[in-house]
Amino acid sequence: MSTPFAVCMKHGGVTTWPFVRNMLEFAFPPLCLGCDELVPGNTAVCSNCLRRIDYYSQPLCLKCLELLDQQGNCLSCGKGACPLFVLAQYESPVREIIHKLKFSAITTPAEVLARQWCERFGQALLRRQPLVIAPVPLTASRAYWRGYNQAELIAEQIAGQLDLTLHGRLLVRTRGRHPQSRLKLAERAANVAGVYALADEPREDNRRVVLVDDVVTSGSTIREAARTCEAGGFEVVAGVAMAHGR
């Protein structure tokens, strides 16, 4: 719910005391995360916004972002493509929901989006037999000012719902670069080249990895994270994102 008690510097609300929560809801009625219209107290996204979401029914190819066929093959890259399971197109209302997570310190969208994602792709991901689920990291400065890594909050929610192991520090970001959103698509791969490093070593209990990001546009960021993992001996069995925008 998009109310002040959902605003915090770490995941979870500022309080779980029922009296305080009820008083906050009375003073600040809950609003839909997608359209900011009033919604019932236990509803984060209104039914109208849920109907408007343009969901993906098939995963994309992590390498080229083309839709995979029913057998999981890519027409461009061939058989055995690594799937990128994306919830929806990066359009309204998903865009507004993710913006609240990234820029308004409202963490409720992580749980809402992860739940929607698990309903659609959870079992398909488990069939890939992952051992750990790991977020694509932010720079230390951006994580500090935001108060959290939104990809880690999403990964934590998916891990909890699918009973997977979260590895929040598998990757670290070693240097900052220009924000990807300000660059042309052709410039983005070079911009993120070499920005990640591994903070752990592959073992029997963590070798098969799922990488999680919030939004994939060109795919350069999550592909560079996957390249770093695989260069260090990990096997990236899938990628996860809440939205894909061009």
C-alpha atoms as a PDB file:
ATOM      1  CA  MET A   1       0.000   0.000   0.000  1.00  0.00           C
ATOM      2  CA  SER A   2       1.324   3.386  -0.966  1.00  0.00           C
ATOM      3  CA  THR A   3       1.134   4.987   2.449  1.00  0.00           C
ATOM      4  CA  PRO A   4       3.752   6.497   4.787  1.00  0.00           C
ATOM      5  CA  PHE A   5       4.033   3.319   6.844  1.00  0.00           C
ATOM      6  CA  ALA A   6       5.248   1.597   3.648  1.00  0.00           C
ATOM      7  CA  VAL A   7       7.993   4.187   3.240  1.00  0.00           C
ATOM      8  CA  CYS A   8      11.233   3.150   4.865  1.00  0.00           C
ATOM      9  CA  MET A   9      14.954   2.851   4.365  1.00  0.00           C
ATOM     10  CA  LYS A  10      14.894  -0.919   4.615  1.00  0.00           C
ATOM     11  CA  HIS A  11      12.325  -3.486   3.541  1.00  0.00           C
ATOM     12  CA  GLY A  12       9.355  -3.829   5.842  1.00  0.00           C
ATOM     13  CA  GLY A  13       7.178  -1.109   7.310  1.00  0.00           C
ATOM     14  CA  VAL A  14       8.244   1.333   9.965  1.00  0.00           C
ATOM     15  CA  THR A  15       5.965  -0.340  12.458  1.00  0.00           C
ATOM     16  CA  THR A  16       3.793  -3.414  12.880  1.00  0.00           C
ATOM     17  CA  TRP A  17       1.784  -2.018  15.795  1.00  0.00           C
ATOM     18  CA  PRO A  18      -1.887  -2.372  14.777  1.00  0.00           C
ATOM     19  CA  PHE A  19      -3.003   0.832  16.495  1.00  0.00           C
ATOM     20  CA  VAL A  20      -0.331   2.966  14.838  1.00  0.00           C
ATOM     21  CA  ARG A  21      -0.925   1.297  11.498  1.00  0.00           C
ATOM     22  CA  ASN A  22      -4.658   1.914  11.704  1.00  0.00           C
ATOM     23  CA  MET A  23      -4.133   5.557  12.610  1.00  0.00           C
ATOM     24  CA  LEU A  24      -1.797   6.030   9.653  1.00  0.00           C
ATOM     25  CA  GLU A  25      -4.287   4.395   7.300  1.00  0.00           C
ATOM     26  CA  PHE A  26      -7.007   6.698   8.618  1.00  0.00           C
ATOM     27  CA  ALA A  27      -4.867   9.812   8.141  1.00  0.00           C
ATOM     28  CA  PHE A  28      -3.308   8.649   4.870  1.00  0.00           C
ATOM     29  CA  PRO A  29      -5.727   6.337   3.005  1.00  0.00           C
ATOM     30  CA  PRO A  30      -3.950   3.687   0.905  1.00  0.00           C
ATOM     31  CA  LEU A  31      -3.520   4.498  -2.778  1.00  0.00           C
ATOM     32  CA  CYS A  32      -3.023   2.195  -5.731  1.00  0.00           C
ATOM     33  CA  LEU A  33       0.654   1.877  -6.608  1.00  0.00           C
ATOM     34  CA  GLY A  34      -0.185   2.149 -10.275  1.00  0.00           C
ATOM     35  CA  CYS A  35      -2.687   5.009 -10.540  1.00  0.00           C
ATOM     36  CA  ASP A  36      -2.778   6.621  -7.044  1.00  0.00           C
ATOM     37  CA  GLU A  37      -6.527   6.053  -6.729  1.00  0.00           C
ATOM     38  CA  LEU A  38      -7.970   5.020  -3.363  1.00  0.00           C
ATOM     39  CA  VAL A  39      -8.030   1.249  -2.814  1.00  0.00           C
ATOM     40  CA  PRO A  40      -9.209  -1.035   0.026  1.00  0.00           C
ATOM     41  CA  GLY A  41      -6.790  -1.300   2.929  1.00  0.00           C
ATOM     42  CA  ASN A  42      -5.335  -4.689   1.955  1.00  0.00           C
ATOM     43  CA  THR A  43      -5.010  -3.889  -1.751  1.00  0.00           C
ATOM     44  CA  ALA A  44      -1.802  -2.504  -3.206  1.00  0.00           C
ATOM     45  CA  VAL A  45      -2.809  -2.370  -6.886  1.00  0.00           C
ATOM     46  CA  CYS A  46      -6.372  -1.782  -8.047  1.00  0.00           C
ATOM     47  CA  SER A  47      -8.166  -4.270 -10.280  1.00  0.00           C
ATOM     48  CA  ASN A  48      -8.169  -1.818 -13.184  1.00  0.00           C
ATOM     49  CA  CYS A  49      -4.375  -1.499 -13.103  1.00  0.00           C
ATOM     50  CA  LEU A  50      -3.944  -5.265 -12.851  1.00  0.00           C
ATOM     51  CA  ARG A  51      -6.048  -5.670 -16.011  1.00  0.00           C
ATOM     52  CA  ARG A  52      -3.933  -3.085 -17.838  1.00  0.00           C
ATOM     53  CA  ILE A  53      -0.595  -4.831 -17.242  1.00  0.00           C
ATOM     54  CA  ASP A  54       0.852  -6.294 -20.457  1.00  0.00           C
ATOM     55  CA  TYR A  55       2.227  -9.571 -19.106  1.00  0.00           C
ATOM     56  CA  TYR A  56       4.719 -11.807 -20.879  1.00  0.00           C
ATOM     57  CA  SER A  57       3.617 -15.403 -21.375  1.00  0.00           C
ATOM     58  CA  GLN A  58       7.011 -16.727 -22.529  1.00  0.00           C
ATOM     59  CA  PRO A  59      10.559 -15.969 -21.395  1.00  0.00           C
ATOM     60  CA  LEU A  60      12.990 -14.004 -23.513  1.00  0.00           C
ATOM     61  CA  CYS A  61      16.444 -15.085 -24.629  1.00  0.00           C
ATOM     62  CA  LEU A  62      18.972 -13.574 -22.220  1.00  0.00           C
ATOM     63  CA  LYS A  63      21.438 -13.079 -25.056  1.00  0.00           C
ATOM     64  CA  CYS A  64      19.278 -11.342 -27.677  1.00  0.00           C
ATOM     65  CA  LEU A  65      15.963 -10.601 -25.857  1.00  0.00           C
ATOM     66  CA  GLU A  66      13.874 -12.377 -28.487  1.00  0.00           C
ATOM     67  CA  LEU A  67      10.920 -14.455 -27.283  1.00  0.00           C
ATOM     68  CA  LEU A  68      11.727 -18.133 -26.787  1.00  0.00           C
ATOM     69  CA  ASP A  69       9.469 -20.736 -28.351  1.00  0.00           C
ATOM     70  CA  GLN A  70       7.430 -23.296 -26.417  1.00  0.00           C
ATOM     71  CA  GLN A  71      10.447 -25.627 -26.252  1.00  0.00           C
ATOM     72  CA  GLY A  72      12.651 -22.888 -24.804  1.00  0.00           C
ATOM     73  CA  ASN A  73      14.669 -22.371 -27.990  1.00  0.00           C
ATOM     74  CA  CYS A  74      15.624 -19.046 -29.541  1.00  0.00           C
ATOM     75  CA  LEU A  75      15.125 -18.576 -33.285  1.00  0.00           C
ATOM     76  CA  SER A  76      18.238 -16.381 -33.389  1.00  0.00           C
ATOM     77  CA  CYS A  77      20.545 -18.083 -30.878  1.00  0.00           C
ATOM     78  CA  GLY A  78      19.420 -21.690 -31.250  1.00  0.00           C
ATOM     79  CA  LYS A  79      18.742 -24.427 -28.726  1.00  0.00           C
ATOM     80  CA  GLY A  80      19.658 -24.232 -25.079  1.00  0.00           C
ATOM     81  CA  ALA A  81      19.161 -20.471 -24.766  1.00  0.00           C
ATOM     82  CA  CYS A  82      19.337 -19.074 -21.247  1.00  0.00           C
ATOM     83  CA  PRO A  83      15.841 -17.791 -20.410  1.00  0.00           C
ATOM     84  CA  LEU A  84      15.106 -14.339 -19.076  1.00  0.00           C
ATOM     85  CA  PHE A  85      11.754 -14.492 -17.294  1.00  0.00           C
ATOM     86  CA  VAL A  86      10.187 -11.029 -17.501  1.00  0.00           C
ATOM     87  CA  LEU A  87       6.899 -10.198 -15.832  1.00  0.00           C
ATOM     88  CA  ALA A  88       5.596  -7.446 -18.114  1.00  0.00           C
ATOM     89  CA  GLN A  89       6.251  -4.663 -20.560  1.00  0.00           C
ATOM     90  CA  TYR A  90       7.722  -1.500 -19.026  1.00  0.00           C
ATOM     91  CA  GLU A  91       4.562   0.506 -19.579  1.00  0.00           C
ATOM     92  CA  SER A  92       1.886   2.045 -17.384  1.00  0.00           C
ATOM     93  CA  PRO A  93       0.991   0.929 -14.708  1.00  0.00           C
ATOM     94  CA  VAL A  94       4.106  -1.249 -14.206  1.00  0.00           C
ATOM     95  CA  ARG A  95       6.331   1.749 -14.914  1.00  0.00           C
ATOM     96  CA  GLU A  96       4.691   3.762 -12.133  1.00  0.00           C
ATOM     97  CA  ILE A  97       4.865   0.834  -9.704  1.00  0.00           C
ATOM     98  CA  ILE A  98       8.587   0.357 -10.311  1.00  0.00           C
ATOM     99  CA  HIS A  99       9.236   4.110 -10.087  1.00  0.00           C
ATOM    100  CA  LYS A 100       7.761   4.116  -6.581  1.00  0.00           C
ATOM    101  CA  LEU A 101      10.147   1.333  -5.616  1.00  0.00           C
ATOM    102  CA  LYS A 102      13.200   3.010  -7.135  1.00  0.00           C
ATOM    103  CA  PHE A 103      12.613   6.677  -6.466  1.00  0.00           C
ATOM    104  CA  SER A 104      10.027   7.075  -3.688  1.00  0.00           C
ATOM    105  CA  ALA A 105      11.419   4.743  -0.995  1.00  0.00           C
ATOM    106  CA  ILE A 106       8.220   2.681  -1.104  1.00  0.00           C
ATOM    107  CA  THR A 107       9.148  -0.981  -0.850  1.00  0.00           C
ATOM    108  CA  THR A 108       5.693  -2.572  -1.168  1.00  0.00           C
ATOM    109  CA  PRO A 109       6.095  -2.929  -4.980  1.00  0.00           C
ATOM    110  CA  ALA A 110       8.834  -5.531  -4.467  1.00  0.00           C
ATOM    111  CA  GLU A 111       6.365  -7.923  -2.828  1.00  0.00           C
ATOM    112  CA  VAL A 112       3.547  -7.098  -5.255  1.00  0.00           C
ATOM    113  CA  LEU A 113       5.634  -7.593  -8.390  1.00  0.00           C
ATOM    114  CA  ALA A 114       7.377 -10.704  -7.052  1.00  0.00           C
ATOM    115  CA  ARG A 115       4.039 -12.321  -6.226  1.00  0.00           C
ATOM    116  CA  GLN A 116       2.723 -11.640  -9.725  1.00  0.00           C
ATOM    117  CA  TRP A 117       5.957 -12.956 -11.201  1.00  0.00           C
ATOM    118  CA  CYS A 118       5.924 -16.167  -9.137  1.00  0.00           C
ATOM    119  CA  GLU A 119       2.356 -16.931 -10.161  1.00  0.00           C
ATOM    120  CA  ARG A 120       3.405 -16.864 -13.817  1.00  0.00           C
ATOM    121  CA  PHE A 121       6.964 -18.175 -13.881  1.00  0.00           C
ATOM    122  CA  GLY A 122       7.765 -19.666 -10.480  1.00  0.00           C
ATOM    123  CA  GLN A 123       7.409 -23.316 -11.451  1.00  0.00           C
ATOM    124  CA  ALA A 124       9.264 -22.791 -14.737  1.00  0.00           C
ATOM    125  CA  LEU A 125      12.169 -21.285 -12.799  1.00  0.00           C
ATOM    126  CA  LEU A 126      12.253 -24.158 -10.311  1.00  0.00           C
ATOM    127  CA  ARG A 127      12.510 -26.612 -13.214  1.00  0.00           C
ATOM    128  CA  ARG A 128      15.833 -24.954 -14.054  1.00  0.00           C
ATOM    129  CA  GLN A 129      17.069 -26.312 -10.666  1.00  0.00           C
ATOM    130  CA  PRO A 130      18.676 -23.130  -9.358  1.00  0.00           C
ATOM    131  CA  LEU A 131      20.708 -23.238  -6.178  1.00  0.00           C
ATOM    132  CA  VAL A 132      20.851 -19.528  -5.369  1.00  0.00           C
ATOM    133  CA  ILE A 133      19.097 -16.370  -6.499  1.00  0.00           C
ATOM    134  CA  ALA A 134      21.236 -13.235  -6.639  1.00  0.00           C
ATOM    135  CA  PRO A 135      20.473  -9.578  -7.396  1.00  0.00           C
ATOM    136  CA  VAL A 136      22.345  -7.428  -9.868  1.00  0.00           C
ATOM    137  CA  PRO A 137      24.130  -4.980  -7.537  1.00  0.00           C
ATOM    138  CA  LEU A 138      24.048  -1.195  -7.434  1.00  0.00           C
ATOM    139  CA  THR A 139      27.036   1.017  -6.828  1.00  0.00           C
ATOM    140  CA  ALA A 140      27.667   1.543  -3.113  1.00  0.00           C
ATOM    141  CA  SER A 141      26.789   5.236  -3.370  1.00  0.00           C
ATOM    142  CA  ARG A 142      23.469   4.630  -5.099  1.00  0.00           C
ATOM    143  CA  ALA A 143      22.521   1.879  -2.657  1.00  0.00           C
ATOM    144  CA  TYR A 144      23.391   4.200   0.226  1.00  0.00           C
ATOM    145  CA  TRP A 145      21.261   7.091  -1.003  1.00  0.00           C
ATOM    146  CA  ARG A 146      18.352   4.869  -2.005  1.00  0.00           C
ATOM    147  CA  GLY A 147      18.591   2.922   1.239  1.00  0.00           C
ATOM    148  CA  TYR A 148      18.396  -0.470  -0.485  1.00  0.00           C
ATOM    149  CA  ASN A 149      18.967  -2.272  -3.761  1.00  0.00           C
ATOM    150  CA  GLN A 150      15.543  -2.711  -5.348  1.00  0.00           C
ATOM    151  CA  ALA A 151      16.712  -5.817  -7.243  1.00  0.00           C
ATOM    152  CA  GLU A 152      17.719  -7.400  -3.928  1.00  0.00           C
ATOM    153  CA  LEU A 153      14.287  -6.700  -2.410  1.00  0.00           C
ATOM    154  CA  ILE A 154      12.649  -8.385  -5.414  1.00  0.00           C
ATOM    155  CA  ALA A 155      15.068 -11.316  -5.249  1.00  0.00           C
ATOM    156  CA  GLU A 156      14.388 -11.698  -1.528  1.00  0.00           C
ATOM    157  CA  GLN A 157      10.644 -11.849  -2.155  1.00  0.00           C
ATOM    158  CA  ILE A 158      11.010 -14.440  -4.925  1.00  0.00           C
ATOM    159  CA  ALA A 159      13.397 -16.496  -2.793  1.00  0.00           C
ATOM    160  CA  GLY A 160      10.901 -16.504   0.062  1.00  0.00           C
ATOM    161  CA  GLN A 161       7.943 -17.449  -2.124  1.00  0.00           C
ATOM    162  CA  LEU A 162       9.797 -20.238  -3.964  1.00  0.00           C
ATOM    163  CA  ASP A 163      11.916 -21.447  -1.021  1.00  0.00           C
ATOM    164  CA  LEU A 164      15.206 -20.573  -2.731  1.00  0.00           C
ATOM    165  CA  THR A 165      18.448 -19.372  -1.157  1.00  0.00           C
ATOM    166  CA  LEU A 166      19.119 -15.669  -1.514  1.00  0.00           C
ATOM    167  CA  HIS A 167      22.749 -14.732  -2.116  1.00  0.00           C
ATOM    168  CA  GLY A 168      22.679 -10.965  -1.752  1.00  0.00           C
ATOM    169  CA  ARG A 169      26.446 -10.527  -2.089  1.00  0.00           C
ATOM    170  CA  LEU A 170      27.384 -12.920  -4.844  1.00  0.00           C
ATOM    171  CA  LEU A 171      28.265  -9.951  -7.058  1.00  0.00           C
ATOM    172  CA  VAL A 172      29.545  -6.521  -6.147  1.00  0.00           C
ATOM    173  CA  ARG A 173      29.772  -3.448  -8.310  1.00  0.00           C
ATOM    174  CA  THR A 174      33.332  -2.206  -8.324  1.00  0.00           C
ATOM    175  CA  ARG A 175      32.963   1.061 -10.194  1.00  0.00           C
ATOM    176  CA  GLY A 176      30.353   3.586 -11.228  1.00  0.00           C
ATOM    177  CA  ARG A 177      29.555   4.562 -14.791  1.00  0.00           C
ATOM    178  CA  HIS A 178      27.061   6.794 -16.537  1.00  0.00           C
ATOM    179  CA  PRO A 179      23.433   5.827 -15.800  1.00  0.00           C
ATOM    180  CA  GLN A 180      22.293   3.399 -18.483  1.00  0.00           C
ATOM    181  CA  SER A 181      19.011   5.258 -18.956  1.00  0.00           C
ATOM    182  CA  ARG A 182      20.902   8.306 -20.270  1.00  0.00           C
ATOM    183  CA  LEU A 183      22.762   6.391 -22.972  1.00  0.00           C
ATOM    184  CA  LYS A 184      21.840   5.149 -26.422  1.00  0.00           C
ATOM    185  CA  LEU A 185      21.220   1.413 -26.630  1.00  0.00           C
ATOM    186  CA  ALA A 186      24.405   0.886 -28.647  1.00  0.00           C
ATOM    187  CA  GLU A 187      26.499   2.527 -25.901  1.00  0.00           C
ATOM    188  CA  ARG A 188      25.219   0.516 -22.969  1.00  0.00           C
ATOM    189  CA  ALA A 189      27.281  -2.668 -23.272  1.00  0.00           C
ATOM    190  CA  ALA A 190      30.559  -0.731 -23.256  1.00  0.00           C
ATOM    191  CA  ASN A 191      29.346   1.379 -20.348  1.00  0.00           C
ATOM    192  CA  VAL A 192      28.923  -1.611 -18.007  1.00  0.00           C
ATOM    193  CA  ALA A 193      31.851  -3.713 -19.225  1.00  0.00           C
ATOM    194  CA  GLY A 194      33.978  -4.808 -16.265  1.00  0.00           C
ATOM    195  CA  VAL A 195      31.909  -3.105 -13.560  1.00  0.00           C
ATOM    196  CA  TYR A 196      31.115  -6.289 -11.577  1.00  0.00           C
ATOM    197  CA  ALA A 197      33.241  -8.629  -9.518  1.00  0.00           C
ATOM    198  CA  LEU A 198      32.503 -11.857  -7.669  1.00  0.00           C
ATOM    199  CA  ALA A 199      32.452 -11.791  -3.878  1.00  0.00           C
ATOM    200  CA  ASP A 200      32.156 -15.581  -3.518  1.00  0.00           C
ATOM    201  CA  GLU A 201      33.504 -18.740  -5.106  1.00  0.00           C
ATOM    202  CA  PRO A 202      31.477 -21.486  -6.812  1.00  0.00           C
ATOM    203  CA  ARG A 203      30.672 -24.475  -4.600  1.00  0.00           C
ATOM    204  CA  GLU A 204      28.324 -27.410  -4.895  1.00  0.00           C
ATOM    205  CA  ASP A 205      25.619 -25.550  -2.983  1.00  0.00           C
ATOM    206  CA  ASN A 206      25.720 -22.261  -4.900  1.00  0.00           C
ATOM    207  CA  ARG A 207      26.974 -22.993  -8.403  1.00  0.00           C
ATOM    208  CA  ARG A 208      23.661 -22.695 -10.332  1.00  0.00           C
ATOM    209  CA  VAL A 209      22.592 -19.045 -10.207  1.00  0.00           C
ATOM    210  CA  VAL A 210      19.511 -17.012 -11.083  1.00  0.00           C
ATOM    211  CA  LEU A 211      20.198 -13.297 -11.587  1.00  0.00           C
ATOM    212  CA  VAL A 212      17.524 -10.709 -10.755  1.00  0.00           C
ATOM    213  CA  ASP A 213      17.127  -7.127 -11.946  1.00  0.00           C
ATOM    214  CA  ASP A 214      14.167  -4.774 -11.857  1.00  0.00           C
ATOM    215  CA  VAL A 215      14.060  -3.473 -15.455  1.00  0.00           C
ATOM    216  CA  VAL A 216      15.831  -4.790 -18.552  1.00  0.00           C
ATOM    217  CA  THR A 217      16.117  -2.508 -21.573  1.00  0.00           C
ATOM    218  CA  SER A 218      19.038  -3.428 -23.808  1.00  0.00           C
ATOM    219  CA  GLY A 219      19.956  -6.346 -21.532  1.00  0.00           C
ATOM    220  CA  SER A 220      23.547  -5.123 -21.227  1.00  0.00           C
ATOM    221  CA  THR A 221      23.518  -4.905 -17.428  1.00  0.00           C
ATOM    222  CA  ILE A 222      22.200  -8.373 -16.661  1.00  0.00           C
ATOM    223  CA  ARG A 223      24.317  -9.913 -19.431  1.00  0.00           C
ATOM    224  CA  GLU A 224      27.466  -8.347 -17.968  1.00  0.00           C
ATOM    225  CA  ALA A 225      26.496  -9.697 -14.541  1.00  0.00           C
ATOM    226  CA  ALA A 226      25.981 -13.137 -16.098  1.00  0.00           C
ATOM    227  CA  ARG A 227      29.317 -12.922 -17.950  1.00  0.00           C
ATOM    228  CA  THR A 228      31.101 -12.119 -14.677  1.00  0.00           C
ATOM    229  CA  CYS A 229      29.456 -15.061 -12.911  1.00  0.00           C
ATOM    230  CA  GLU A 230      30.267 -17.526 -15.662  1.00  0.00           C
ATOM    231  CA  ALA A 231      33.858 -16.295 -15.974  1.00  0.00           C
ATOM    232  CA  GLY A 232      34.236 -17.138 -12.279  1.00  0.00           C
ATOM    233  CA  GLY A 233      32.913 -20.674 -12.608  1.00  0.00           C
ATOM    234  CA  PHE A 234      29.206 -20.197 -11.858  1.00  0.00           C
ATOM    235  CA  GLU A 235      26.435 -21.377 -14.151  1.00  0.00           C
ATOM    236  CA  VAL A 236      23.703 -18.813 -14.799  1.00  0.00           C
ATOM    237  CA  VAL A 237      20.578 -20.890 -15.381  1.00  0.00           C
ATOM    238  CA  ALA A 238      18.120 -18.001 -15.775  1.00  0.00           C
ATOM    239  CA  GLY A 239      17.561 -14.302 -15.472  1.00  0.00           C
ATOM    240  CA  VAL A 240      14.580 -12.572 -13.862  1.00  0.00           C
ATOM    241  CA  ALA A 241      13.234  -9.068 -14.405  1.00  0.00           C
ATOM    242  CA  MET A 242      10.005  -7.335 -13.540  1.00  0.00           C
ATOM    243  CA  ALA A 243       9.816  -5.364 -16.787  1.00  0.00           C
ATOM    244  CA  HIS A 244      11.312  -5.022 -20.243  1.00  0.00           C
ATOM    245  CA  GLY A 245      11.315  -1.700 -22.055  1.00  0.00           C
ATOM    246  CA  ARG A 246      12.794  -0.631 -25.371  1.00  0.00           C
END
